[in-house]
Amino acid sequence: MPTAGDRVKVRPGEWQASPGVPGHTQHDIRIVSVHESHDQAYAWVYGHGLECSWPTADCTAPWCFELLVSVDVLAAAAGARP
């Protein structure tokens, strides 16, 4: 699984806003943490959008995204780490 600071790109159909509610947009997320969910095909991902790391960003939230992301997508992102 990706770790804090890793980046993952999720596309439509690869994530859910809540259980059973598929996501229809694409997001680039900088991971804060990853947690198990009740559905073994998905994990809860807490993270920030890439815009939160811009020097002009004023994001003080612990995370901006809370999504269920396919574990296959997360495993692929972890495997792509340099």
PDB file of N, CA and C in Angstrom:
ATOM      1  N   MET A   1       0.838  -1.196   0.000  1.00  0.00           N
ATOM      2  CA  MET A   1       0.000   0.000   0.000  1.00  0.00           C
ATOM      3  C   MET A   1       0.875   1.249   0.000  1.00  0.00           C
ATOM      4  N   PRO A   2       0.362   2.325  -0.593  1.00  0.00           N
ATOM      5  CA  PRO A   2       1.104   3.584  -0.548  1.00  0.00           C
ATOM      6  C   PRO A   2       1.228   4.072   0.897  1.00  0.00           C
ATOM      7  N   THR A   3       2.227   4.884   1.139  1.00  0.00           N
ATOM      8  CA  THR A   3       2.451   5.448   2.467  1.00  0.00           C
ATOM      9  C   THR A   3       2.311   6.962   2.407  1.00  0.00           C
ATOM     10  N   ALA A   4       2.346   7.588   3.562  1.00  0.00           N
ATOM     11  CA  ALA A   4       2.200   9.044   3.649  1.00  0.00           C
ATOM     12  C   ALA A   4       3.183   9.734   2.711  1.00  0.00           C
ATOM     13  N   GLY A   5       2.649  10.680   1.946  1.00  0.00           N
ATOM     14  CA  GLY A   5       3.466  11.434   1.000  1.00  0.00           C
ATOM     15  C   GLY A   5       3.443  10.885  -0.411  1.00  0.00           C
ATOM     16  N   ASP A   6       3.083   9.611  -0.571  1.00  0.00           N
ATOM     17  CA  ASP A   6       2.984   9.037  -1.914  1.00  0.00           C
ATOM     18  C   ASP A   6       1.837   9.698  -2.672  1.00  0.00           C
ATOM     19  N   ARG A   7       1.917   9.625  -3.965  1.00  0.00           N
ATOM     20  CA  ARG A   7       0.886  10.203  -4.834  1.00  0.00           C
ATOM     21  C   ARG A   7       0.158   9.084  -5.559  1.00  0.00           C
ATOM     22  N   VAL A   8      -1.170   9.205  -5.628  1.00  0.00           N
ATOM     23  CA  VAL A   8      -1.975   8.238  -6.361  1.00  0.00           C
ATOM     24  C   VAL A   8      -2.982   8.994  -7.217  1.00  0.00           C
ATOM     25  N   LYS A   9      -3.152   8.524  -8.442  1.00  0.00           N
ATOM     26  CA  LYS A   9      -4.140   9.109  -9.340  1.00  0.00           C
ATOM     27  C   LYS A   9      -5.306   8.144  -9.430  1.00  0.00           C
ATOM     28  N   VAL A  10      -6.517   8.636  -9.105  1.00  0.00           N
ATOM     29  CA  VAL A  10      -7.714   7.801  -9.217  1.00  0.00           C
ATOM     30  C   VAL A  10      -8.590   8.337 -10.330  1.00  0.00           C
ATOM     31  N   ARG A  11      -9.095   7.415 -11.130  1.00  0.00           N
ATOM     32  CA  ARG A  11      -9.943   7.755 -12.275  1.00  0.00           C
ATOM     33  C   ARG A  11     -11.384   7.338 -11.971  1.00  0.00           C
ATOM     34  N   PRO A  12     -12.325   7.808 -12.772  1.00  0.00           N
ATOM     35  CA  PRO A  12     -13.711   7.382 -12.572  1.00  0.00           C
ATOM     36  C   PRO A  12     -13.806   5.857 -12.526  1.00  0.00           C
ATOM     37  N   GLY A  13     -14.591   5.354 -11.573  1.00  0.00           N
ATOM     38  CA  GLY A  13     -14.763   3.925 -11.420  1.00  0.00           C
ATOM     39  C   GLY A  13     -13.737   3.254 -10.527  1.00  0.00           C
ATOM     40  N   GLU A  14     -12.670   3.976 -10.151  1.00  0.00           N
ATOM     41  CA  GLU A  14     -11.630   3.414  -9.293  1.00  0.00           C
ATOM     42  C   GLU A  14     -11.801   3.815  -7.835  1.00  0.00           C
ATOM     43  N   TRP A  15     -12.799   4.635  -7.563  1.00  0.00           N
ATOM     44  CA  TRP A  15     -13.005   5.089  -6.192  1.00  0.00           C
ATOM     45  C   TRP A  15     -14.491   5.279  -5.915  1.00  0.00           C
ATOM     46  N   GLN A  16     -14.827   5.392  -4.643  1.00  0.00           N
ATOM     47  CA  GLN A  16     -16.201   5.635  -4.212  1.00  0.00           C
ATOM     48  C   GLN A  16     -16.194   6.763  -3.189  1.00  0.00           C
ATOM     49  N   ALA A  17     -17.209   7.617  -3.274  1.00  0.00           N
ATOM     50  CA  ALA A  17     -17.345   8.705  -2.307  1.00  0.00           C
ATOM     51  C   ALA A  17     -17.783   8.160  -0.953  1.00  0.00           C
ATOM     52  N   SER A  18     -18.595   7.136  -0.972  1.00  0.00           N
ATOM     53  CA  SER A  18     -19.026   6.373   0.196  1.00  0.00           C
ATOM     54  C   SER A  18     -19.396   4.996  -0.329  1.00  0.00           C
ATOM     55  N   PRO A  19     -19.562   4.010   0.544  1.00  0.00           N
ATOM     56  CA  PRO A  19     -19.834   2.664   0.048  1.00  0.00           C
ATOM     57  C   PRO A  19     -21.001   2.612  -0.944  1.00  0.00           C
ATOM     58  N   GLY A  20     -20.719   2.089  -2.137  1.00  0.00           N
ATOM     59  CA  GLY A  20     -21.736   1.934  -3.166  1.00  0.00           C
ATOM     60  C   GLY A  20     -22.005   3.159  -4.005  1.00  0.00           C
ATOM     61  N   VAL A  21     -21.289   4.264  -3.760  1.00  0.00           N
ATOM     62  CA  VAL A  21     -21.490   5.507  -4.528  1.00  0.00           C
ATOM     63  C   VAL A  21     -20.225   5.753  -5.357  1.00  0.00           C
ATOM     64  N   PRO A  22     -20.227   5.289  -6.621  1.00  0.00           N
ATOM     65  CA  PRO A  22     -19.014   5.394  -7.443  1.00  0.00           C
ATOM     66  C   PRO A  22     -18.639   6.832  -7.761  1.00  0.00           C
ATOM     67  N   GLY A  23     -17.322   7.051  -7.819  1.00  0.00           N
ATOM     68  CA  GLY A  23     -16.804   8.363  -8.191  1.00  0.00           C
ATOM     69  C   GLY A  23     -16.784   8.533  -9.693  1.00  0.00           C
ATOM     70  N   HIS A  24     -17.036   9.739 -10.158  1.00  0.00           N
ATOM     71  CA  HIS A  24     -17.136  10.001 -11.591  1.00  0.00           C
ATOM     72  C   HIS A  24     -16.118  11.011 -12.094  1.00  0.00           C
ATOM     73  N   THR A  25     -15.143  11.374 -11.276  1.00  0.00           N
ATOM     74  CA  THR A  25     -14.130  12.345 -11.671  1.00  0.00           C
ATOM     75  C   THR A  25     -12.748  11.759 -11.414  1.00  0.00           C
ATOM     76  N   GLN A  26     -11.740  12.465 -11.873  1.00  0.00           N
ATOM     77  CA  GLN A  26     -10.357  12.042 -11.671  1.00  0.00           C
ATOM     78  C   GLN A  26      -9.716  12.937 -10.620  1.00  0.00           C
ATOM     79  N   HIS A  27      -8.899  12.345  -9.750  1.00  0.00           N
ATOM     80  CA  HIS A  27      -8.199  13.115  -8.722  1.00  0.00           C
ATOM     81  C   HIS A  27      -6.761  12.642  -8.613  1.00  0.00           C
ATOM     82  N   ASP A  28      -5.848  13.582  -8.390  1.00  0.00           N
ATOM     83  CA  ASP A  28      -4.476  13.292  -7.990  1.00  0.00           C
ATOM     84  C   ASP A  28      -4.420  13.571  -6.501  1.00  0.00           C
ATOM     85  N   ILE A  29      -4.050  12.567  -5.728  1.00  0.00           N
ATOM     86  CA  ILE A  29      -4.083  12.695  -4.277  1.00  0.00           C
ATOM     87  C   ILE A  29      -2.699  12.404  -3.694  1.00  0.00           C
ATOM     88  N   ARG A  30      -2.276  13.259  -2.776  1.00  0.00           N
ATOM     89  CA  ARG A  30      -1.075  13.017  -1.981  1.00  0.00           C
ATOM     90  C   ARG A  30      -1.561  12.348  -0.695  1.00  0.00           C
ATOM     91  N   ILE A  31      -1.138  11.114  -0.457  1.00  0.00           N
ATOM     92  CA  ILE A  31      -1.638  10.288   0.634  1.00  0.00           C
ATOM     93  C   ILE A  31      -1.236  10.850   1.997  1.00  0.00           C
ATOM     94  N   VAL A  32      -2.202  10.895   2.912  1.00  0.00           N
ATOM     95  CA  VAL A  32      -1.938  11.154   4.323  1.00  0.00           C
ATOM     96  C   VAL A  32      -1.918   9.810   5.051  1.00  0.00           C
ATOM     97  N   SER A  33      -2.957   8.985   4.805  1.00  0.00           N
ATOM     98  CA  SER A  33      -3.003   7.653   5.416  1.00  0.00           C
ATOM     99  C   SER A  33      -3.979   6.768   4.646  1.00  0.00           C
ATOM    100  N   VAL A  34      -3.807   5.460   4.819  1.00  0.00           N
ATOM    101  CA  VAL A  34      -4.669   4.459   4.183  1.00  0.00           C
ATOM    102  C   VAL A  34      -5.164   3.524   5.281  1.00  0.00           C
ATOM    103  N   HIS A  35      -6.485   3.206   5.241  1.00  0.00           N
ATOM    104  CA  HIS A  35      -7.104   2.377   6.278  1.00  0.00           C
ATOM    105  C   HIS A  35      -8.003   1.328   5.644  1.00  0.00           C
ATOM    106  N   GLU A  36      -8.136   0.184   6.298  1.00  0.00           N
ATOM    107  CA  GLU A  36      -9.014  -0.873   5.822  1.00  0.00           C
ATOM    108  C   GLU A  36     -10.465  -0.413   5.830  1.00  0.00           C
ATOM    109  N   SER A  37     -11.266  -1.020   4.970  1.00  0.00           N
ATOM    110  CA  SER A  37     -12.710  -0.783   4.961  1.00  0.00           C
ATOM    111  C   SER A  37     -13.409  -2.132   5.120  1.00  0.00           C
ATOM    112  N   HIS A  38     -14.723  -2.114   5.213  1.00  0.00           N
ATOM    113  CA  HIS A  38     -15.479  -3.360   5.333  1.00  0.00           C
ATOM    114  C   HIS A  38     -15.458  -4.154   4.032  1.00  0.00           C
ATOM    115  N   ASP A  39     -15.255  -3.475   2.900  1.00  0.00           N
ATOM    116  CA  ASP A  39     -15.164  -4.126   1.591  1.00  0.00           C
ATOM    117  C   ASP A  39     -13.690  -4.332   1.274  1.00  0.00           C
ATOM    118  N   GLN A  40     -13.251  -5.572   1.174  1.00  0.00           N
ATOM    119  CA  GLN A  40     -11.829  -5.858   0.952  1.00  0.00           C
ATOM    120  C   GLN A  40     -11.313  -5.370  -0.389  1.00  0.00           C
ATOM    121  N   ALA A  41     -12.201  -5.001  -1.306  1.00  0.00           N
ATOM    122  CA  ALA A  41     -11.784  -4.494  -2.618  1.00  0.00           C
ATOM    123  C   ALA A  41     -11.409  -3.017  -2.555  1.00  0.00           C
ATOM    124  N   TYR A  42     -11.751  -2.348  -1.442  1.00  0.00           N
ATOM    125  CA  TYR A  42     -11.495  -0.914  -1.293  1.00  0.00           C
ATOM    126  C   TYR A  42     -10.837  -0.621   0.049  1.00  0.00           C
ATOM    127  N   ALA A  43     -10.084   0.481   0.095  1.00  0.00           N
ATOM    128  CA  ALA A  43      -9.500   0.973   1.341  1.00  0.00           C
ATOM    129  C   ALA A  43      -9.827   2.456   1.460  1.00  0.00           C
ATOM    130  N   TRP A  44      -9.989   2.920   2.691  1.00  0.00           N
ATOM    131  CA  TRP A  44     -10.205   4.352   2.917  1.00  0.00           C
ATOM    132  C   TRP A  44      -8.883   5.077   2.740  1.00  0.00           C
ATOM    133  N   VAL A  45      -8.905   6.128   1.952  1.00  0.00           N
ATOM    134  CA  VAL A  45      -7.716   6.946   1.724  1.00  0.00           C
ATOM    135  C   VAL A  45      -8.010   8.365   2.195  1.00  0.00           C
ATOM    136  N   TYR A  46      -7.128   8.869   3.034  1.00  0.00           N
ATOM    137  CA  TYR A  46      -7.185  10.261   3.467  1.00  0.00           C
ATOM    138  C   TYR A  46      -6.017  10.956   2.796  1.00  0.00           C
ATOM    139  N   GLY A  47      -6.266  12.117   2.212  1.00  0.00           N
ATOM    140  CA  GLY A  47      -5.183  12.795   1.515  1.00  0.00           C
ATOM    141  C   GLY A  47      -5.519  14.211   1.126  1.00  0.00           C
ATOM    142  N   HIS A  48      -4.590  14.816   0.432  1.00  0.00           N
ATOM    143  CA  HIS A  48      -4.720  16.181  -0.062  1.00  0.00           C
ATOM    144  C   HIS A  48      -4.615  16.183  -1.578  1.00  0.00           C
ATOM    145  N   GLY A  49      -5.284  17.128  -2.202  1.00  0.00           N
ATOM    146  CA  GLY A  49      -5.085  17.355  -3.625  1.00  0.00           C
ATOM    147  C   GLY A  49      -3.714  17.968  -3.836  1.00  0.00           C
ATOM    148  N   LEU A  50      -3.192  17.848  -5.024  1.00  0.00           N
ATOM    149  CA  LEU A  50      -1.852  18.389  -5.292  1.00  0.00           C
ATOM    150  C   LEU A  50      -1.802  19.890  -5.099  1.00  0.00           C
ATOM    151  N   GLU A  51      -2.936  20.582  -5.319  1.00  0.00           N
ATOM    152  CA  GLU A  51      -2.953  22.034  -5.146  1.00  0.00           C
ATOM    153  C   GLU A  51      -2.682  22.446  -3.699  1.00  0.00           C
ATOM    154  N   CYS A  52      -2.871  21.544  -2.746  1.00  0.00           N
ATOM    155  CA  CYS A  52      -2.603  21.862  -1.344  1.00  0.00           C
ATOM    156  C   CYS A  52      -1.112  22.015  -1.072  1.00  0.00           C
ATOM    157  N   SER A  53      -0.272  21.536  -1.979  1.00  0.00           N
ATOM    158  CA  SER A  53       1.174  21.643  -1.763  1.00  0.00           C
ATOM    159  C   SER A  53       1.785  22.857  -2.465  1.00  0.00           C
ATOM    160  N   TRP A  54       0.956  23.636  -3.140  1.00  0.00           N
ATOM    161  CA  TRP A  54       1.475  24.849  -3.769  1.00  0.00           C
ATOM    162  C   TRP A  54       1.908  25.833  -2.693  1.00  0.00           C
ATOM    163  N   PRO A  55       2.934  26.649  -2.964  1.00  0.00           N
ATOM    164  CA  PRO A  55       3.397  27.612  -1.953  1.00  0.00           C
ATOM    165  C   PRO A  55       2.306  28.599  -1.521  1.00  0.00           C
ATOM    166  N   THR A  56       1.347  28.870  -2.399  1.00  0.00           N
ATOM    167  CA  THR A  56       0.291  29.823  -2.049  1.00  0.00           C
ATOM    168  C   THR A  56      -0.900  29.164  -1.367  1.00  0.00           C
ATOM    169  N   ALA A  57      -0.876  27.842  -1.242  1.00  0.00           N
ATOM    170  CA  ALA A  57      -2.004  27.141  -0.610  1.00  0.00           C
ATOM    171  C   ALA A  57      -2.009  27.427   0.887  1.00  0.00           C
ATOM    172  N   ASP A  58      -3.194  27.523   1.429  1.00  0.00           N
ATOM    173  CA  ASP A  58      -3.325  27.802   2.850  1.00  0.00           C
ATOM    174  C   ASP A  58      -4.135  26.690   3.509  1.00  0.00           C
ATOM    175  N   CYS A  59      -3.865  25.449   3.132  1.00  0.00           N
ATOM    176  CA  CYS A  59      -4.621  24.312   3.639  1.00  0.00           C
ATOM    177  C   CYS A  59      -4.057  23.891   4.992  1.00  0.00           C
ATOM    178  N   THR A  60      -4.876  23.994   6.013  1.00  0.00           N
ATOM    179  CA  THR A  60      -4.452  23.576   7.349  1.00  0.00           C
ATOM    180  C   THR A  60      -5.231  22.344   7.818  1.00  0.00           C
ATOM    181  N   ALA A  61      -6.069  21.805   6.940  1.00  0.00           N
ATOM    182  CA  ALA A  61      -6.862  20.628   7.298  1.00  0.00           C
ATOM    183  C   ALA A  61      -5.966  19.398   7.379  1.00  0.00           C
ATOM    184  N   PRO A  62      -6.318  18.437   8.254  1.00  0.00           N
ATOM    185  CA  PRO A  62      -5.523  17.199   8.306  1.00  0.00           C
ATOM    186  C   PRO A  62      -5.570  16.442   6.986  1.00  0.00           C
ATOM    187  N   TRP A  63      -6.697  16.529   6.269  1.00  0.00           N
ATOM    188  CA  TRP A  63      -6.844  15.960   4.930  1.00  0.00           C
ATOM    189  C   TRP A  63      -8.011  16.647   4.235  1.00  0.00           C
ATOM    190  N   CYS A  64      -7.989  16.628   2.908  1.00  0.00           N
ATOM    191  CA  CYS A  64      -9.043  17.243   2.101  1.00  0.00           C
ATOM    192  C   CYS A  64      -9.912  16.195   1.419  1.00  0.00           C
ATOM    193  N   PHE A  65      -9.354  15.002   1.230  1.00  0.00           N
ATOM    194  CA  PHE A  65     -10.077  13.912   0.587  1.00  0.00           C
ATOM    195  C   PHE A  65     -10.232  12.761   1.559  1.00  0.00           C
ATOM    196  N   GLU A  66     -11.410  12.156   1.562  1.00  0.00           N
ATOM    197  CA  GLU A  66     -11.685  10.916   2.279  1.00  0.00           C
ATOM    198  C   GLU A  66     -12.470  10.053   1.303  1.00  0.00           C
ATOM    199  N   LEU A  67     -11.762   9.114   0.665  1.00  0.00           N
ATOM    200  CA  LEU A  67     -12.356   8.313  -0.408  1.00  0.00           C
ATOM    201  C   LEU A  67     -12.094   6.835  -0.185  1.00  0.00           C
ATOM    202  N   LEU A  68     -12.988   6.010  -0.705  1.00  0.00           N
ATOM    203  CA  LEU A  68     -12.733   4.582  -0.812  1.00  0.00           C
ATOM    204  C   LEU A  68     -12.070   4.359  -2.159  1.00  0.00           C
ATOM    205  N   VAL A  69     -10.860   3.837  -2.149  1.00  0.00           N
ATOM    206  CA  VAL A  69     -10.096   3.640  -3.382  1.00  0.00           C
ATOM    207  C   VAL A  69      -9.840   2.149  -3.566  1.00  0.00           C
ATOM    208  N   SER A  70      -9.941   1.701  -4.808  1.00  0.00           N
ATOM    209  CA  SER A  70      -9.677   0.306  -5.147  1.00  0.00           C
ATOM    210  C   SER A  70      -8.291  -0.105  -4.643  1.00  0.00           C
ATOM    211  N   VAL A  71      -8.209  -1.250  -3.953  1.00  0.00           N
ATOM    212  CA  VAL A  71      -6.909  -1.715  -3.470  1.00  0.00           C
ATOM    213  C   VAL A  71      -5.980  -2.063  -4.635  1.00  0.00           C
ATOM    214  N   ASP A  72      -6.530  -2.435  -5.790  1.00  0.00           N
ATOM    215  CA  ASP A  72      -5.695  -2.692  -6.970  1.00  0.00           C
ATOM    216  C   ASP A  72      -4.986  -1.422  -7.410  1.00  0.00           C
ATOM    217  N   VAL A  73      -5.698  -0.308  -7.394  1.00  0.00           N
ATOM    218  CA  VAL A  73      -5.106   0.985  -7.766  1.00  0.00           C
ATOM    219  C   VAL A  73      -4.026   1.374  -6.756  1.00  0.00           C
ATOM    220  N   LEU A  74      -4.315   1.168  -5.475  1.00  0.00           N
ATOM    221  CA  LEU A  74      -3.332   1.503  -4.435  1.00  0.00           C
ATOM    222  C   LEU A  74      -2.093   0.624  -4.537  1.00  0.00           C
ATOM    223  N   ALA A  75      -2.279  -0.663  -4.800  1.00  0.00           N
ATOM    224  CA  ALA A  75      -1.141  -1.574  -4.943  1.00  0.00           C
ATOM    225  C   ALA A  75      -0.283  -1.181  -6.146  1.00  0.00           C
ATOM    226  N   ALA A  76      -0.923  -0.804  -7.249  1.00  0.00           N
ATOM    227  CA  ALA A  76      -0.180  -0.370  -8.432  1.00  0.00           C
ATOM    228  C   ALA A  76       0.593   0.906  -8.144  1.00  0.00           C
ATOM    229  N   ALA A  77      -0.007   1.823  -7.401  1.00  0.00           N
ATOM    230  CA  ALA A  77       0.678   3.075  -7.050  1.00  0.00           C
ATOM    231  C   ALA A  77       1.883   2.792  -6.156  1.00  0.00           C
ATOM    232  N   ALA A  78       1.749   1.872  -5.226  1.00  0.00           N
ATOM    233  CA  ALA A  78       2.853   1.521  -4.341  1.00  0.00           C
ATOM    234  C   ALA A  78       3.980   0.828  -5.127  1.00  0.00           C
ATOM    235  N   GLY A  79       3.611   0.036  -6.123  1.00  0.00           N
ATOM    236  CA  GLY A  79       4.597  -0.650  -6.938  1.00  0.00           C
ATOM    237  C   GLY A  79       5.332   0.271  -7.878  1.00  0.00           C
ATOM    238  N   ALA A  80       4.761   1.441  -8.166  1.00  0.00           N
ATOM    239  CA  ALA A  80       5.378   2.401  -9.083  1.00  0.00           C
ATOM    240  C   ALA A  80       6.338   3.341  -8.364  1.00  0.00           C
ATOM    241  N   ARG A  81       6.481   3.190  -7.050  1.00  0.00           N
ATOM    242  CA  ARG A  81       7.373   4.051  -6.274  1.00  0.00           C
ATOM    243  C   ARG A  81       8.806   3.916  -6.779  1.00  0.00           C
ATOM    244  N   PRO A  82       9.510   5.043  -6.934  1.00  0.00           N
ATOM    245  CA  PRO A  82      10.922   4.943  -7.374  1.00  0.00           C
ATOM    246  C   PRO A  82      11.814   4.292  -6.352  1.00  0.00           C
TER     247      PRO A  82
END
